[in-house]
Amino acid sequence: VKTRGLRRETSVPVTVRDDSTRAASDAYVAAHPAASSYHRQAWLDVIGAAFGHQTKYLAAETTSGVAGVLPLVFFRSRIFGRFAVSLPFVNYGGILADSPDAEAALLDRALEETRAAGGSHLELRHTSQHFSQLTPKRHKVAMELRLDASVDAQWNALDRKLRNQVRKAEKSGLEVSDGGAELLDAFYEVFAHNMRDLGTPVYDRR
């Protein structure tokens, strides 16, 4: 999304803030049917602490309260230059809003913030095109599996090869553990091993 020639007026009064309370924005994200967990402010905390990038959380507000949000991360790279992304390191993010007015206001403010940071472009990772005047990239694909009503129906919906792989894992003594920080070492070992096999540099354990 290039940062030139994208100015518009909104018909509904919308104010974009970068100091919205976390409680208000989290409640908005939790109630929005199109939201993902990546729209929460907590992800900016993680990215800022782990990678040191500048972040900013934008919230569009009307007289009714929060009407949209946009998490932003700013990059300063010697190789790729300066730019902003919503949201890096994951496949989802972008603008979450109730109306075209809120969307437009958030886009305009994001472009202003990108320019102020010396950025050359803004990247919004939406799952569908939100702005007809912008040219999207379509080189990534998200794969979803609709779940059946029962475990048996879901099992039978899987192809034979996948069912055999599951049975092999069960016979190998595979265990699934659910927990918190006490499982980090074990999780990171598996994560790093798989990232290496994929040929992708692994994130630091921290």
Protein backbone atom coordinates (compact mmCIF):
# COMPACT_ATOMS: atom_id res chain seq x y z
CA VAL A 1 0.00 0.00 0.00
CA LYS A 2 1.86 3.07 -1.21
CA THR A 3 1.58 6.24 0.82
CA ARG A 4 0.79 8.73 -1.94
CA GLY A 5 -2.55 10.11 -3.10
CA LEU A 6 -4.81 8.56 -0.49
CA ARG A 7 -6.82 11.33 1.16
CA ARG A 8 -10.53 11.22 1.84
CA GLU A 9 -13.25 12.81 3.91
CA THR A 10 -15.59 10.86 6.16
CA SER A 11 -19.28 11.60 6.56
CA VAL A 12 -19.44 10.35 10.16
CA PRO A 13 -17.33 12.10 12.83
CA VAL A 14 -14.51 9.72 13.69
CA THR A 15 -11.55 10.49 15.92
CA VAL A 16 -8.42 8.32 15.73
CA ARG A 17 -6.41 8.07 18.93
CA ASP A 18 -3.17 6.35 19.89
CA ASP A 19 -3.91 6.42 23.63
CA SER A 20 -7.12 4.42 23.82
CA THR A 21 -7.48 2.37 26.99
CA ARG A 22 -6.59 -1.30 26.67
CA ALA A 23 -9.83 -2.35 28.31
CA ALA A 24 -11.91 -0.53 25.69
CA SER A 25 -9.93 -1.80 22.70
CA ASP A 26 -9.75 -5.38 24.00
CA ALA A 27 -13.51 -5.38 24.59
CA TYR A 28 -14.04 -4.15 21.04
CA VAL A 29 -11.79 -6.84 19.56
CA ALA A 30 -13.42 -9.56 21.68
CA ALA A 31 -16.88 -8.60 20.42
CA HIS A 32 -16.03 -8.11 16.73
CA PRO A 33 -16.88 -11.15 14.54
CA ALA A 34 -13.99 -10.47 12.12
CA ALA A 35 -11.33 -9.99 14.78
CA SER A 36 -8.29 -12.17 15.36
CA SER A 37 -6.17 -12.39 18.49
CA TYR A 38 -3.52 -10.40 16.61
CA HIS A 39 -5.68 -7.28 16.83
CA ARG A 40 -5.11 -7.09 20.59
CA GLN A 41 -2.65 -4.61 22.03
CA ALA A 42 -0.78 -7.42 23.79
CA TRP A 43 0.81 -8.46 20.49
CA LEU A 44 2.48 -5.07 20.20
CA ASP A 45 3.88 -5.57 23.70
CA VAL A 46 5.40 -8.88 22.61
CA ILE A 47 6.88 -7.51 19.38
CA GLY A 48 8.24 -4.39 21.06
CA ALA A 49 9.85 -6.33 23.90
CA ALA A 50 11.23 -9.21 21.82
CA PHE A 51 12.43 -7.34 18.72
CA GLY A 52 12.74 -3.73 19.84
CA HIS A 53 10.50 -2.31 17.10
CA GLN A 54 8.53 0.88 17.60
CA THR A 55 4.80 0.18 17.80
CA LYS A 56 1.60 2.19 17.87
CA TYR A 57 -1.98 1.11 18.50
CA LEU A 58 -4.60 3.20 16.74
CA ALA A 59 -8.25 3.25 17.76
CA ALA A 60 -11.09 4.95 15.87
CA GLU A 61 -13.74 6.38 18.15
CA THR A 62 -17.20 7.85 17.64
CA THR A 63 -19.72 9.11 20.15
CA SER A 64 -20.67 5.45 20.69
CA GLY A 65 -17.16 4.38 21.66
CA VAL A 66 -14.49 2.39 19.84
CA ALA A 67 -15.41 1.83 16.19
CA GLY A 68 -12.18 0.33 14.87
CA VAL A 69 -8.59 -0.55 15.71
CA LEU A 70 -5.28 -0.90 13.89
CA PRO A 71 -2.04 -2.25 15.45
CA LEU A 72 1.11 -0.93 13.73
CA VAL A 73 4.77 -1.92 13.87
CA PHE A 74 7.47 0.32 12.40
CA PHE A 75 10.62 -1.13 10.83
CA ARG A 76 13.96 0.55 10.28
CA SER A 77 16.11 -1.80 8.23
CA ARG A 78 19.38 -1.11 6.44
CA ILE A 79 18.33 -3.58 3.77
CA PHE A 80 14.61 -2.91 3.35
CA GLY A 81 14.41 0.71 4.53
CA ARG A 82 11.66 2.16 6.69
CA PHE A 83 8.05 1.03 6.56
CA ALA A 84 5.07 0.03 8.72
CA VAL A 85 3.27 -3.32 8.92
CA SER A 86 0.09 -4.62 10.51
CA LEU A 87 1.10 -7.14 11.62
CA PRO A 88 4.62 -8.57 11.10
CA PHE A 89 5.71 -12.11 12.05
CA VAL A 90 2.12 -13.33 11.57
CA ASN A 91 -0.18 -13.60 8.56
CA TYR A 92 -3.04 -11.51 9.88
CA GLY A 93 -3.73 -8.01 11.16
CA GLY A 94 -4.78 -4.89 9.31
CA ILE A 95 -7.75 -2.65 10.00
CA LEU A 96 -10.67 -3.93 12.06
CA ALA A 97 -13.61 -1.51 11.87
CA ASP A 98 -17.38 -1.18 12.00
CA SER A 99 -17.82 1.14 9.01
CA PRO A 100 -16.12 2.53 5.90
CA ASP A 101 -15.78 5.85 7.75
CA ALA A 102 -13.80 4.27 10.57
CA GLU A 103 -11.73 2.26 8.08
CA ALA A 104 -10.89 5.39 6.08
CA ALA A 105 -9.96 7.36 9.18
CA LEU A 106 -7.65 4.60 10.42
CA LEU A 107 -6.00 4.27 7.01
CA ASP A 108 -5.38 8.02 6.78
CA ARG A 109 -3.87 8.15 10.26
CA ALA A 110 -1.72 5.07 9.57
CA LEU A 111 -0.36 6.72 6.44
CA GLU A 112 0.41 9.87 8.41
CA GLU A 113 2.23 7.86 11.06
CA THR A 114 4.18 5.98 8.39
CA ARG A 115 5.28 9.21 6.73
CA ALA A 116 6.20 10.74 10.09
CA ALA A 117 8.44 7.75 10.78
CA GLY A 118 10.15 8.22 7.40
CA GLY A 119 8.48 5.15 5.95
CA SER A 120 8.16 4.46 2.25
CA HIS A 121 5.08 2.25 2.47
CA LEU A 122 2.43 0.71 4.69
CA GLU A 123 1.55 -3.00 4.57
CA LEU A 124 -1.85 -4.16 5.85
CA ARG A 125 -2.34 -7.91 6.15
CA HIS A 126 -6.04 -8.33 5.51
CA THR A 127 -7.71 -11.59 4.52
CA SER A 128 -9.78 -9.74 1.89
CA GLN A 129 -9.47 -6.48 -0.03
CA HIS A 130 -10.72 -3.50 2.00
CA PHE A 131 -9.91 -0.55 -0.26
CA SER A 132 -10.82 -0.64 -3.95
CA GLN A 133 -8.36 2.16 -4.78
CA LEU A 134 -5.38 0.14 -3.52
CA THR A 135 -3.66 -2.65 -5.42
CA PRO A 136 -3.40 -5.76 -3.24
CA LYS A 137 -0.85 -8.52 -3.31
CA ARG A 138 -2.37 -12.00 -3.55
CA HIS A 139 0.67 -14.27 -3.19
CA LYS A 140 -0.38 -15.82 0.13
CA VAL A 141 -3.15 -18.34 0.72
CA ALA A 142 -4.93 -19.18 3.99
CA MET A 143 -6.23 -22.75 4.31
CA GLU A 144 -9.25 -23.42 6.51
CA LEU A 145 -10.98 -26.67 7.43
CA ARG A 146 -14.64 -26.54 8.38
CA LEU A 147 -15.22 -28.76 11.40
CA ASP A 148 -17.89 -31.46 11.34
CA ALA A 149 -20.51 -31.87 14.04
CA SER A 150 -18.88 -34.85 15.77
CA VAL A 151 -15.44 -36.38 16.33
CA ASP A 152 -16.37 -39.46 14.29
CA ALA A 153 -17.65 -37.40 11.37
CA GLN A 154 -14.50 -35.27 11.42
CA TRP A 155 -12.27 -38.37 11.52
CA ASN A 156 -14.05 -39.91 8.53
CA ALA A 157 -13.77 -36.61 6.63
CA LEU A 158 -9.97 -36.83 6.73
CA ASP A 159 -8.30 -38.67 3.87
CA ARG A 160 -6.79 -42.10 4.43
CA LYS A 161 -3.17 -40.93 4.35
CA LEU A 162 -3.75 -38.37 7.09
CA ARG A 163 -5.61 -40.90 9.25
CA ASN A 164 -2.65 -43.27 8.91
CA GLN A 165 -0.27 -40.52 9.99
CA VAL A 166 -2.39 -39.87 13.07
CA ARG A 167 -2.45 -43.56 13.96
CA LYS A 168 1.32 -43.76 13.53
CA ALA A 169 1.78 -40.84 15.92
CA GLU A 170 -0.53 -42.48 18.46
CA LYS A 171 1.40 -45.76 18.27
CA SER A 172 4.66 -43.83 18.73
CA GLY A 173 3.55 -42.61 22.12
CA LEU A 174 2.86 -39.01 21.08
CA GLU A 175 1.61 -36.90 23.97
CA VAL A 176 -0.07 -33.50 23.94
CA SER A 177 0.58 -31.20 26.90
CA ASP A 178 -1.27 -27.98 27.62
CA GLY A 179 0.25 -25.44 29.98
CA GLY A 180 2.22 -22.25 30.38
CA ALA A 181 5.80 -21.10 30.91
CA GLU A 182 6.78 -24.38 32.57
CA LEU A 183 6.52 -26.04 29.12
CA LEU A 184 8.53 -23.39 27.27
CA ASP A 185 11.78 -25.39 27.08
CA ALA A 186 10.08 -28.45 25.60
CA PHE A 187 8.02 -26.34 23.21
CA TYR A 188 11.01 -24.36 22.02
CA GLU A 189 12.99 -27.54 21.30
CA VAL A 190 10.23 -28.84 19.02
CA PHE A 191 9.65 -25.40 17.48
CA ALA A 192 13.35 -24.79 16.71
CA HIS A 193 13.75 -28.27 15.23
CA ASN A 194 10.83 -27.79 12.84
CA MET A 195 11.88 -24.27 11.85
CA ARG A 196 15.35 -25.61 11.02
CA ASP A 197 13.84 -28.35 8.85
CA LEU A 198 11.77 -25.71 7.02
CA GLY A 199 14.92 -23.67 6.36
CA THR A 200 13.65 -20.68 8.32
CA PRO A 201 15.75 -18.85 10.95
CA VAL A 202 14.28 -19.51 14.38
CA TYR A 203 13.32 -16.76 16.80
CA ASP A 204 15.41 -16.41 19.92
CA ARG A 205 14.07 -18.33 22.92
CA ARG A 206 13.50 -15.04 24.74
